[in-house]
N, C-alpha and C. Protein backbone atom coordinates (compact mmCIF):
# COMPACT_ATOMS: atom_id res chain seq x y z
N MET A 1 103.39 93.54 74.24
CA MET A 1 102.88 94.78 74.85
C MET A 1 101.53 94.51 75.52
N LEU A 2 101.43 94.87 76.76
CA LEU A 2 100.19 94.62 77.50
C LEU A 2 99.08 95.56 77.04
N THR A 3 97.90 95.01 76.83
CA THR A 3 96.74 95.81 76.43
C THR A 3 95.91 96.17 77.66
N ILE A 4 95.55 97.44 77.77
CA ILE A 4 94.66 97.88 78.84
C ILE A 4 93.25 98.01 78.24
N THR A 5 92.29 97.34 78.86
CA THR A 5 90.91 97.34 78.36
C THR A 5 90.05 98.25 79.22
N GLU A 6 89.20 99.01 78.56
CA GLU A 6 88.31 99.95 79.26
C GLU A 6 86.89 99.41 79.17
N LYS A 7 86.17 99.40 80.27
CA LYS A 7 84.79 98.94 80.18
C LYS A 7 83.91 99.53 81.27
N GLU A 8 82.61 99.40 81.04
CA GLU A 8 81.61 99.87 81.98
C GLU A 8 80.85 98.65 82.50
N ILE A 9 80.69 98.59 83.81
CA ILE A 9 80.02 97.45 84.44
C ILE A 9 78.71 97.95 85.06
N ARG A 10 77.61 97.31 84.71
CA ARG A 10 76.32 97.67 85.30
C ARG A 10 76.21 97.10 86.71
N LEU A 11 75.82 97.92 87.64
CA LEU A 11 75.60 97.48 89.03
C LEU A 11 74.24 97.97 89.48
N GLY A 12 73.26 97.09 89.49
CA GLY A 12 71.92 97.51 89.89
C GLY A 12 71.41 98.61 88.98
N LYS A 13 71.06 99.75 89.57
CA LYS A 13 70.52 100.86 88.78
C LYS A 13 71.62 101.72 88.16
N GLY A 14 72.85 101.53 88.60
CA GLY A 14 73.94 102.38 88.13
C GLY A 14 75.00 101.61 87.36
N ALA A 15 76.13 102.28 87.14
CA ALA A 15 77.24 101.65 86.43
C ALA A 15 78.54 102.26 86.91
N VAL A 16 79.62 101.50 86.79
CA VAL A 16 80.94 102.02 87.11
C VAL A 16 81.88 101.74 85.94
N HIS A 17 82.89 102.58 85.84
CA HIS A 17 83.89 102.47 84.78
C HIS A 17 85.15 101.86 85.37
N CYS A 18 85.84 101.01 84.59
CA CYS A 18 87.09 100.43 85.07
C CYS A 18 88.05 100.18 83.91
N LEU A 19 89.32 100.02 84.26
CA LEU A 19 90.38 99.65 83.33
C LEU A 19 90.95 98.32 83.80
N THR A 20 91.25 97.42 82.87
CA THR A 20 91.84 96.14 83.28
C THR A 20 93.09 95.84 82.46
N GLY A 21 94.01 95.15 83.10
CA GLY A 21 95.23 94.72 82.45
C GLY A 21 95.62 93.36 82.97
N GLY A 22 96.21 92.52 82.12
CA GLY A 22 96.58 91.17 82.55
C GLY A 22 95.47 90.18 82.25
N ASN A 23 95.76 88.92 82.46
CA ASN A 23 94.84 87.85 82.05
C ASN A 23 93.90 87.43 83.17
N ARG A 24 92.64 87.22 82.80
CA ARG A 24 91.70 86.63 83.74
C ARG A 24 92.20 85.25 84.12
N GLY A 25 91.93 84.86 85.34
CA GLY A 25 92.43 83.56 85.80
C GLY A 25 93.71 83.71 86.60
N MET A 26 94.38 84.86 86.45
CA MET A 26 95.54 85.17 87.29
C MET A 26 95.03 85.83 88.57
N ARG A 27 95.90 86.01 89.54
CA ARG A 27 95.50 86.60 90.82
C ARG A 27 94.93 88.01 90.61
N ASP A 28 93.76 88.25 91.18
CA ASP A 28 93.07 89.53 90.99
C ASP A 28 93.58 90.60 91.95
N ILE A 29 93.83 91.80 91.40
CA ILE A 29 94.17 92.97 92.21
C ILE A 29 93.21 94.08 91.83
N LEU A 30 92.54 94.65 92.81
CA LEU A 30 91.56 95.72 92.57
C LEU A 30 92.15 97.03 93.08
N LEU A 31 92.38 97.97 92.16
CA LEU A 31 93.02 99.24 92.50
C LEU A 31 91.97 100.35 92.62
N LEU A 32 91.99 101.02 93.76
CA LEU A 32 91.14 102.20 93.98
C LEU A 32 92.01 103.44 93.79
N HIS A 33 91.50 104.61 94.12
CA HIS A 33 92.26 105.84 93.85
C HIS A 33 91.99 106.87 94.93
N GLY A 34 92.81 107.91 94.95
CA GLY A 34 92.65 108.99 95.91
C GLY A 34 91.61 110.02 95.45
N MET A 35 91.36 111.00 96.29
CA MET A 35 90.30 111.99 96.07
C MET A 35 90.47 112.76 94.76
N LYS A 36 91.71 113.10 94.40
CA LYS A 36 91.94 113.93 93.22
C LYS A 36 92.32 113.10 92.00
N PHE A 37 92.18 111.78 92.10
CA PHE A 37 92.67 110.90 91.04
C PHE A 37 91.56 109.97 90.55
N SER A 38 91.92 109.06 89.66
CA SER A 38 90.94 108.14 89.08
C SER A 38 91.66 106.88 88.62
N ALA A 39 90.91 105.96 88.02
CA ALA A 39 91.52 104.73 87.48
C ALA A 39 92.61 105.06 86.48
N GLU A 40 92.42 106.14 85.75
CA GLU A 40 93.38 106.56 84.71
C GLU A 40 94.78 106.80 85.29
N THR A 41 94.83 107.21 86.56
CA THR A 41 96.12 107.44 87.22
C THR A 41 97.00 106.19 87.15
N TRP A 42 96.37 105.02 87.33
CA TRP A 42 97.14 103.77 87.35
C TRP A 42 97.61 103.37 85.95
N ARG A 43 96.89 103.83 84.90
CA ARG A 43 97.38 103.61 83.55
C ARG A 43 98.55 104.56 83.27
N ASP A 44 98.36 105.84 83.60
CA ASP A 44 99.40 106.84 83.35
C ASP A 44 100.71 106.49 84.06
N LEU A 45 100.59 105.99 85.27
CA LEU A 45 101.78 105.65 86.07
C LEU A 45 102.40 104.32 85.63
N ARG A 46 101.65 103.56 84.83
CA ARG A 46 102.04 102.25 84.32
C ARG A 46 101.97 101.15 85.39
N THR A 47 101.25 101.40 86.48
CA THR A 47 101.06 100.36 87.50
C THR A 47 100.27 99.19 86.92
N LEU A 48 99.26 99.48 86.09
CA LEU A 48 98.48 98.40 85.47
C LEU A 48 99.38 97.53 84.58
N HIS A 49 100.28 98.16 83.84
CA HIS A 49 101.21 97.41 82.99
C HIS A 49 102.14 96.54 83.84
N GLU A 50 102.69 97.16 84.88
CA GLU A 50 103.63 96.43 85.75
C GLU A 50 102.96 95.19 86.34
N LEU A 51 101.74 95.34 86.81
CA LEU A 51 101.03 94.22 87.43
C LEU A 51 100.69 93.15 86.40
N GLY A 52 100.18 93.58 85.24
CA GLY A 52 99.82 92.63 84.19
C GLY A 52 101.02 91.85 83.70
N GLU A 53 102.14 92.54 83.51
CA GLU A 53 103.35 91.87 83.02
C GLU A 53 103.96 90.97 84.08
N ALA A 54 103.64 91.22 85.34
CA ALA A 54 104.15 90.37 86.43
C ALA A 54 103.25 89.16 86.68
N GLY A 55 102.18 89.02 85.87
CA GLY A 55 101.34 87.83 85.99
C GLY A 55 100.11 87.99 86.86
N PHE A 56 99.66 89.24 87.03
CA PHE A 56 98.45 89.49 87.81
C PHE A 56 97.34 90.01 86.91
N HIS A 57 96.11 89.88 87.37
CA HIS A 57 94.95 90.45 86.67
C HIS A 57 94.57 91.71 87.44
N ALA A 58 94.91 92.87 86.89
CA ALA A 58 94.73 94.14 87.60
C ALA A 58 93.50 94.86 87.08
N VAL A 59 92.68 95.34 88.00
CA VAL A 59 91.45 96.06 87.66
C VAL A 59 91.46 97.38 88.43
N ALA A 60 91.46 98.51 87.70
CA ALA A 60 91.43 99.83 88.33
C ALA A 60 90.01 100.39 88.20
N LEU A 61 89.40 100.68 89.32
CA LEU A 61 87.99 101.09 89.37
C LEU A 61 87.88 102.58 89.63
N ASP A 62 87.00 103.24 88.86
CA ASP A 62 86.59 104.61 89.19
C ASP A 62 85.47 104.51 90.21
N LEU A 63 85.69 104.98 91.43
CA LEU A 63 84.62 104.99 92.43
C LEU A 63 83.50 105.92 91.96
N PRO A 64 82.26 105.69 92.39
CA PRO A 64 81.15 106.52 91.95
C PRO A 64 81.41 108.01 92.19
N GLY A 65 81.17 108.80 91.14
CA GLY A 65 81.38 110.24 91.24
C GLY A 65 82.79 110.67 90.90
N PHE A 66 83.65 109.73 90.51
CA PHE A 66 85.03 110.03 90.15
C PHE A 66 85.34 109.48 88.76
N GLY A 67 86.31 110.09 88.08
CA GLY A 67 86.71 109.59 86.78
C GLY A 67 85.50 109.53 85.85
N LYS A 68 85.29 108.36 85.26
CA LYS A 68 84.17 108.19 84.31
C LYS A 68 82.98 107.47 84.93
N SER A 69 82.99 107.30 86.26
CA SER A 69 81.84 106.66 86.93
C SER A 69 80.87 107.73 87.43
N PRO A 70 79.60 107.64 87.04
CA PRO A 70 78.62 108.61 87.56
C PRO A 70 78.39 108.39 89.06
N ALA A 71 77.88 109.39 89.72
CA ALA A 71 77.53 109.25 91.14
C ALA A 71 76.49 108.14 91.29
N ALA A 72 76.49 107.49 92.45
CA ALA A 72 75.58 106.36 92.67
C ALA A 72 74.86 106.52 94.00
N GLU A 73 73.72 105.84 94.11
CA GLU A 73 72.97 105.87 95.37
C GLU A 73 73.62 104.93 96.40
N MET A 74 74.30 103.90 95.92
CA MET A 74 74.95 102.94 96.83
C MET A 74 76.19 103.56 97.46
N ASP A 75 76.52 103.13 98.68
CA ASP A 75 77.77 103.60 99.28
C ASP A 75 78.93 102.81 98.67
N ASN A 76 80.15 103.28 98.95
CA ASN A 76 81.33 102.68 98.31
C ASN A 76 81.47 101.20 98.64
N ALA A 77 81.17 100.81 99.88
CA ALA A 77 81.31 99.40 100.26
C ALA A 77 80.36 98.52 99.46
N SER A 78 79.13 99.00 99.28
CA SER A 78 78.14 98.24 98.50
C SER A 78 78.55 98.15 97.03
N VAL A 79 79.10 99.25 96.51
CA VAL A 79 79.59 99.27 95.13
C VAL A 79 80.72 98.25 94.97
N LEU A 80 81.67 98.26 95.90
CA LEU A 80 82.80 97.32 95.82
C LEU A 80 82.32 95.87 95.86
N ARG A 81 81.40 95.61 96.77
CA ARG A 81 80.91 94.23 96.89
C ARG A 81 80.20 93.79 95.60
N ALA A 82 79.37 94.66 95.06
CA ALA A 82 78.65 94.35 93.83
C ALA A 82 79.61 94.21 92.65
N PHE A 83 80.63 95.05 92.62
CA PHE A 83 81.61 95.00 91.53
C PHE A 83 82.41 93.70 91.57
N ILE A 84 82.86 93.31 92.76
CA ILE A 84 83.62 92.07 92.93
C ILE A 84 82.79 90.88 92.46
N GLN A 85 81.51 90.89 92.80
CA GLN A 85 80.62 89.80 92.38
C GLN A 85 80.38 89.84 90.87
N ALA A 86 80.11 91.03 90.34
CA ALA A 86 79.81 91.17 88.91
C ALA A 86 81.00 90.74 88.04
N GLU A 87 82.20 91.08 88.49
CA GLU A 87 83.41 90.77 87.73
C GLU A 87 84.02 89.42 88.12
N GLN A 88 83.36 88.74 89.07
CA GLN A 88 83.81 87.43 89.53
C GLN A 88 85.28 87.45 89.95
N LEU A 89 85.63 88.47 90.72
CA LEU A 89 86.98 88.56 91.26
C LEU A 89 87.08 87.64 92.47
N ASP A 90 88.14 86.87 92.53
CA ASP A 90 88.31 85.87 93.58
C ASP A 90 89.20 86.42 94.68
N ARG A 91 88.58 86.83 95.77
CA ARG A 91 89.31 87.39 96.93
C ARG A 91 90.44 88.31 96.46
N PRO A 92 90.07 89.40 95.77
CA PRO A 92 91.11 90.28 95.22
C PRO A 92 91.97 90.91 96.30
N ILE A 93 93.19 91.26 95.91
CA ILE A 93 94.05 92.08 96.74
C ILE A 93 93.58 93.52 96.52
N LEU A 94 93.19 94.20 97.59
CA LEU A 94 92.68 95.57 97.47
C LEU A 94 93.81 96.56 97.66
N LEU A 95 93.93 97.49 96.73
CA LEU A 95 95.00 98.50 96.78
C LEU A 95 94.34 99.87 96.79
N GLY A 96 94.69 100.70 97.77
CA GLY A 96 94.08 102.02 97.83
C GLY A 96 94.98 103.07 98.44
N PRO A 97 95.15 104.21 97.76
CA PRO A 97 95.87 105.34 98.36
C PRO A 97 94.89 106.35 98.98
N SER A 98 95.29 106.96 100.08
CA SER A 98 94.54 108.07 100.68
C SER A 98 93.07 107.71 100.91
N MET A 99 92.14 108.40 100.24
CA MET A 99 90.71 108.09 100.37
C MET A 99 90.43 106.64 99.96
N GLY A 100 91.06 106.19 98.89
CA GLY A 100 90.89 104.80 98.44
C GLY A 100 91.41 103.81 99.46
N GLY A 101 92.42 104.22 100.23
CA GLY A 101 92.92 103.38 101.30
C GLY A 101 91.91 103.21 102.41
N LYS A 102 91.19 104.29 102.71
CA LYS A 102 90.12 104.21 103.72
C LYS A 102 89.01 103.29 103.25
N VAL A 103 88.62 103.42 101.98
CA VAL A 103 87.58 102.56 101.41
C VAL A 103 88.02 101.09 101.47
N ALA A 104 89.27 100.83 101.08
CA ALA A 104 89.80 99.46 101.07
C ALA A 104 89.86 98.89 102.48
N LEU A 105 90.37 99.68 103.43
CA LEU A 105 90.51 99.24 104.81
C LEU A 105 89.15 98.90 105.43
N GLU A 106 88.18 99.80 105.24
CA GLU A 106 86.87 99.58 105.84
C GLU A 106 86.13 98.42 105.17
N PHE A 107 86.37 98.22 103.87
CA PHE A 107 85.76 97.09 103.18
C PHE A 107 86.34 95.78 103.70
N ALA A 108 87.66 95.76 103.90
CA ALA A 108 88.32 94.54 104.41
C ALA A 108 87.84 94.22 105.82
N LEU A 109 87.60 95.24 106.63
CA LEU A 109 87.09 95.02 107.99
C LEU A 109 85.66 94.49 107.96
N ALA A 110 84.86 94.98 107.02
CA ALA A 110 83.45 94.56 106.93
C ALA A 110 83.29 93.22 106.23
N HIS A 111 84.16 92.93 105.27
CA HIS A 111 84.02 91.72 104.44
C HIS A 111 85.37 90.99 104.32
N PRO A 112 85.94 90.53 105.44
CA PRO A 112 87.28 89.94 105.38
C PRO A 112 87.38 88.73 104.46
N LYS A 113 86.28 88.00 104.29
CA LYS A 113 86.34 86.79 103.45
C LYS A 113 86.37 87.12 101.96
N LEU A 114 86.10 88.38 101.62
CA LEU A 114 86.11 88.77 100.20
C LEU A 114 87.45 89.38 99.77
N VAL A 115 88.37 89.53 100.73
CA VAL A 115 89.64 90.24 100.44
C VAL A 115 90.83 89.31 100.71
N GLY A 116 91.69 89.17 99.71
CA GLY A 116 92.85 88.29 99.85
C GLY A 116 94.09 88.97 100.37
N GLY A 117 94.17 90.28 100.23
CA GLY A 117 95.33 91.04 100.69
C GLY A 117 95.00 92.52 100.66
N LEU A 118 95.84 93.33 101.34
CA LEU A 118 95.60 94.77 101.42
C LEU A 118 96.89 95.52 101.13
N ILE A 119 96.78 96.57 100.32
CA ILE A 119 97.91 97.47 100.08
C ILE A 119 97.39 98.88 100.33
N LEU A 120 97.86 99.50 101.39
CA LEU A 120 97.36 100.81 101.83
C LEU A 120 98.47 101.84 101.69
N ILE A 121 98.20 102.92 100.95
CA ILE A 121 99.20 103.95 100.69
C ILE A 121 98.71 105.27 101.28
N GLY A 122 99.38 105.75 102.32
CA GLY A 122 98.99 107.02 102.92
C GLY A 122 97.50 107.10 103.22
N ALA A 123 96.94 105.99 103.70
CA ALA A 123 95.49 105.91 103.92
C ALA A 123 95.02 106.95 104.94
N VAL A 124 93.81 107.44 104.75
CA VAL A 124 93.18 108.34 105.72
C VAL A 124 92.13 107.54 106.49
N GLY A 125 91.60 108.14 107.56
CA GLY A 125 90.53 107.48 108.33
C GLY A 125 91.00 106.33 109.20
N ILE A 126 92.26 106.37 109.59
CA ILE A 126 92.80 105.24 110.37
C ILE A 126 92.32 105.29 111.82
N GLU A 127 92.35 106.48 112.40
CA GLU A 127 92.00 106.63 113.81
C GLU A 127 90.62 106.04 114.12
N GLU A 128 89.66 106.30 113.22
CA GLU A 128 88.29 105.84 113.49
C GLU A 128 88.14 104.33 113.38
N ASN A 129 89.15 103.68 112.82
CA ASN A 129 89.09 102.22 112.68
C ASN A 129 90.15 101.48 113.49
N LYS A 130 90.90 102.22 114.30
CA LYS A 130 92.09 101.64 114.93
C LYS A 130 91.79 100.48 115.88
N ASP A 131 90.61 100.49 116.50
CA ASP A 131 90.31 99.45 117.49
C ASP A 131 89.94 98.10 116.84
N ARG A 132 89.80 98.10 115.52
CA ARG A 132 89.42 96.85 114.84
C ARG A 132 90.55 96.26 113.99
N LEU A 133 91.68 96.93 113.95
CA LEU A 133 92.73 96.54 113.00
C LEU A 133 93.28 95.13 113.24
N GLU A 134 93.26 94.68 114.50
CA GLU A 134 93.79 93.34 114.80
C GLU A 134 93.01 92.24 114.10
N LYS A 135 91.78 92.55 113.67
CA LYS A 135 90.94 91.54 113.01
C LYS A 135 91.42 91.21 111.59
N LEU A 136 92.26 92.06 111.04
CA LEU A 136 92.70 91.86 109.65
C LEU A 136 93.81 90.82 109.61
N LYS A 137 93.54 89.69 109.02
CA LYS A 137 94.51 88.59 109.02
C LYS A 137 95.23 88.44 107.68
N MET A 138 94.78 89.17 106.64
CA MET A 138 95.38 88.99 105.32
C MET A 138 96.72 89.70 105.21
N PRO A 139 97.61 89.24 104.32
CA PRO A 139 98.89 89.95 104.11
C PRO A 139 98.62 91.41 103.75
N THR A 140 99.36 92.31 104.39
CA THR A 140 99.11 93.74 104.21
C THR A 140 100.42 94.49 104.00
N LEU A 141 100.44 95.33 102.98
CA LEU A 141 101.57 96.22 102.74
C LEU A 141 101.11 97.65 103.02
N VAL A 142 101.86 98.34 103.86
CA VAL A 142 101.55 99.73 104.21
C VAL A 142 102.68 100.60 103.65
N VAL A 143 102.35 101.50 102.73
CA VAL A 143 103.35 102.34 102.07
C VAL A 143 103.07 103.80 102.42
N TRP A 144 104.10 104.51 102.84
CA TRP A 144 103.92 105.90 103.28
C TRP A 144 105.04 106.79 102.78
N GLY A 145 104.70 108.02 102.43
CA GLY A 145 105.73 109.00 102.12
C GLY A 145 106.31 109.57 103.41
N GLY A 146 107.62 109.65 103.48
CA GLY A 146 108.26 110.16 104.68
C GLY A 146 107.88 111.60 105.01
N ASN A 147 107.50 112.36 103.98
CA ASN A 147 107.12 113.76 104.18
C ASN A 147 105.62 113.99 104.01
N ASP A 148 104.82 112.97 104.29
CA ASP A 148 103.36 113.10 104.13
C ASP A 148 102.80 114.03 105.20
N THR A 149 102.22 115.15 104.76
CA THR A 149 101.63 116.10 105.70
C THR A 149 100.11 115.96 105.76
N ILE A 150 99.52 115.20 104.83
CA ILE A 150 98.06 115.04 104.81
C ILE A 150 97.64 113.88 105.71
N SER A 151 98.37 112.77 105.62
CA SER A 151 98.11 111.63 106.50
C SER A 151 99.45 111.27 107.14
N PRO A 152 99.72 111.80 108.33
CA PRO A 152 101.05 111.67 108.93
C PRO A 152 101.51 110.22 109.09
N LEU A 153 102.83 110.06 109.09
CA LEU A 153 103.46 108.75 109.16
C LEU A 153 103.01 107.95 110.38
N ALA A 154 102.60 108.64 111.44
CA ALA A 154 102.11 107.94 112.64
C ALA A 154 100.97 106.98 112.28
N GLY A 155 100.16 107.36 111.29
CA GLY A 155 99.05 106.49 110.85
C GLY A 155 99.55 105.21 110.23
N GLY A 156 100.60 105.32 109.44
CA GLY A 156 101.19 104.13 108.83
C GLY A 156 101.79 103.21 109.88
N LYS A 157 102.42 103.81 110.87
CA LYS A 157 103.02 103.01 111.95
C LYS A 157 101.94 102.33 112.78
N LEU A 158 100.83 103.00 112.96
CA LEU A 158 99.70 102.42 113.69
C LEU A 158 99.15 101.21 112.93
N LEU A 159 98.95 101.36 111.63
CA LEU A 159 98.46 100.24 110.81
C LEU A 159 99.41 99.05 110.89
N ALA A 160 100.69 99.33 110.68
CA ALA A 160 101.68 98.25 110.67
C ALA A 160 101.82 97.59 112.03
N GLY A 161 101.61 98.38 113.09
CA GLY A 161 101.74 97.83 114.44
C GLY A 161 100.55 96.99 114.87
N ARG A 162 99.38 97.30 114.34
CA ARG A 162 98.16 96.61 114.80
C ARG A 162 97.69 95.50 113.88
N ILE A 163 97.98 95.60 112.57
CA ILE A 163 97.56 94.53 111.65
C ILE A 163 98.61 93.43 111.74
N PRO A 164 98.21 92.21 112.12
CA PRO A 164 99.18 91.16 112.44
C PRO A 164 100.19 90.83 111.33
N ASN A 165 99.74 90.84 110.08
CA ASN A 165 100.61 90.39 108.99
C ASN A 165 100.96 91.55 108.06
N ALA A 166 101.37 92.68 108.67
CA ALA A 166 101.61 93.90 107.89
C ALA A 166 103.09 94.25 107.81
N LYS A 167 103.47 94.82 106.67
CA LYS A 167 104.82 95.32 106.47
C LYS A 167 104.73 96.81 106.14
N LEU A 168 105.56 97.63 106.79
CA LEU A 168 105.57 99.07 106.54
C LEU A 168 106.78 99.43 105.68
N VAL A 169 106.53 100.15 104.59
CA VAL A 169 107.59 100.69 103.73
C VAL A 169 107.46 102.21 103.73
N ILE A 170 108.52 102.89 104.11
CA ILE A 170 108.53 104.36 104.11
C ILE A 170 109.37 104.82 102.92
N ILE A 171 108.75 105.63 102.05
CA ILE A 171 109.48 106.19 100.91
C ILE A 171 110.00 107.56 101.33
N ASP A 172 111.28 107.61 101.60
CA ASP A 172 111.91 108.82 102.15
C ASP A 172 111.71 110.03 101.25
N ASP A 173 111.51 111.17 101.88
CA ASP A 173 111.41 112.46 101.19
C ASP A 173 110.21 112.57 100.25
N ALA A 174 109.29 111.60 100.29
CA ALA A 174 108.14 111.63 99.38
C ALA A 174 106.93 112.26 100.06
N PRO A 175 106.09 112.99 99.32
CA PRO A 175 104.88 113.59 99.87
C PRO A 175 103.75 112.57 99.95
N HIS A 176 102.54 113.06 100.20
CA HIS A 176 101.38 112.19 100.38
C HIS A 176 101.19 111.19 99.23
N PRO A 177 101.14 111.62 97.96
CA PRO A 177 101.04 110.63 96.88
C PRO A 177 102.44 110.09 96.52
N CYS A 178 103.01 109.34 97.45
CA CYS A 178 104.41 108.90 97.32
C CYS A 178 104.62 108.01 96.09
N TYR A 179 103.58 107.29 95.70
CA TYR A 179 103.68 106.41 94.53
C TYR A 179 103.85 107.21 93.24
N LEU A 180 103.31 108.44 93.20
CA LEU A 180 103.49 109.32 92.04
C LEU A 180 104.86 109.98 92.07
N ASP A 181 105.35 110.24 93.27
CA ASP A 181 106.62 110.94 93.44
C ASP A 181 107.81 110.05 93.07
N GLN A 182 107.73 108.77 93.45
CA GLN A 182 108.84 107.84 93.20
C GLN A 182 108.28 106.52 92.64
N PRO A 183 107.81 106.54 91.39
CA PRO A 183 107.13 105.36 90.83
C PRO A 183 108.00 104.11 90.75
N GLU A 184 109.28 104.28 90.47
CA GLU A 184 110.14 103.09 90.38
C GLU A 184 110.26 102.39 91.72
N ARG A 185 110.45 103.17 92.77
CA ARG A 185 110.52 102.60 94.12
C ARG A 185 109.18 101.96 94.47
N TRP A 186 108.09 102.64 94.16
CA TRP A 186 106.75 102.15 94.44
C TRP A 186 106.52 100.80 93.76
N HIS A 187 106.80 100.74 92.47
CA HIS A 187 106.58 99.49 91.73
C HIS A 187 107.47 98.37 92.25
N GLY A 188 108.69 98.71 92.63
CA GLY A 188 109.59 97.70 93.19
C GLY A 188 109.06 97.10 94.48
N GLU A 189 108.59 97.96 95.38
CA GLU A 189 108.05 97.50 96.66
C GLU A 189 106.76 96.71 96.46
N LEU A 190 105.90 97.19 95.56
CA LEU A 190 104.62 96.54 95.27
C LEU A 190 104.86 95.12 94.75
N LEU A 191 105.71 94.98 93.75
CA LEU A 191 105.94 93.66 93.13
C LEU A 191 106.66 92.71 94.09
N ALA A 192 107.58 93.26 94.89
CA ALA A 192 108.28 92.40 95.86
C ALA A 192 107.30 91.83 96.89
N PHE A 193 106.39 92.67 97.36
CA PHE A 193 105.36 92.21 98.31
C PHE A 193 104.46 91.15 97.67
N LEU A 194 103.99 91.42 96.47
CA LEU A 194 103.08 90.48 95.80
C LEU A 194 103.77 89.15 95.53
N LYS A 195 105.00 89.19 95.09
CA LYS A 195 105.71 87.95 94.77
C LYS A 195 105.99 87.13 96.02
N SER A 196 106.20 87.81 97.16
CA SER A 196 106.51 87.07 98.39
C SER A 196 105.26 86.41 98.99
N HIS A 197 104.08 86.93 98.67
CA HIS A 197 102.85 86.40 99.30
C HIS A 197 101.90 85.71 98.33
N PHE A 198 101.96 86.04 97.04
CA PHE A 198 100.90 85.59 96.13
C PHE A 198 101.39 84.89 94.88
N HIS A 199 102.64 84.41 94.90
CA HIS A 199 103.13 83.65 93.75
C HIS A 199 103.47 82.24 94.18
């Protein structure tokens, strides 16, 4: 049975809360979350278990002001960079839905050498970054709910069309948080992508 560990990491003047599953030394995956969710979402959904049991080191982070992480003076990109360094994550695969997808996408654009792969689920903020997407060279999985009304499917198609090494998966009949709506399909697509690129 996989153990999920809870811990607080000091970053400068502040701290962030995270959950980890899987063994250190395995490929690192850093999971962010959407506006109404937290690191706990990935434990409840069993994504942390699925990743750990598949041989990955999964870390789910509460962004500042969410979950159990207090608000911070640093912006999200600075927090991510400091967290990756503090936890000695080696070019982690960044996974983010909705708001977390925007954070992951913009971090990968700003710090491409710190990111080994991207998994974007119904990401927001695509239009404002569309002219830079060709710069992303890492393997990228784009997952979208077919019935997403918050971040329309056109955004997913734009990401997949402009990021050179991207694959688009559409989960039919699923709303914006498609991974919550159809977790078995989500986990299947996630693990298939990871195994094809990172094993």
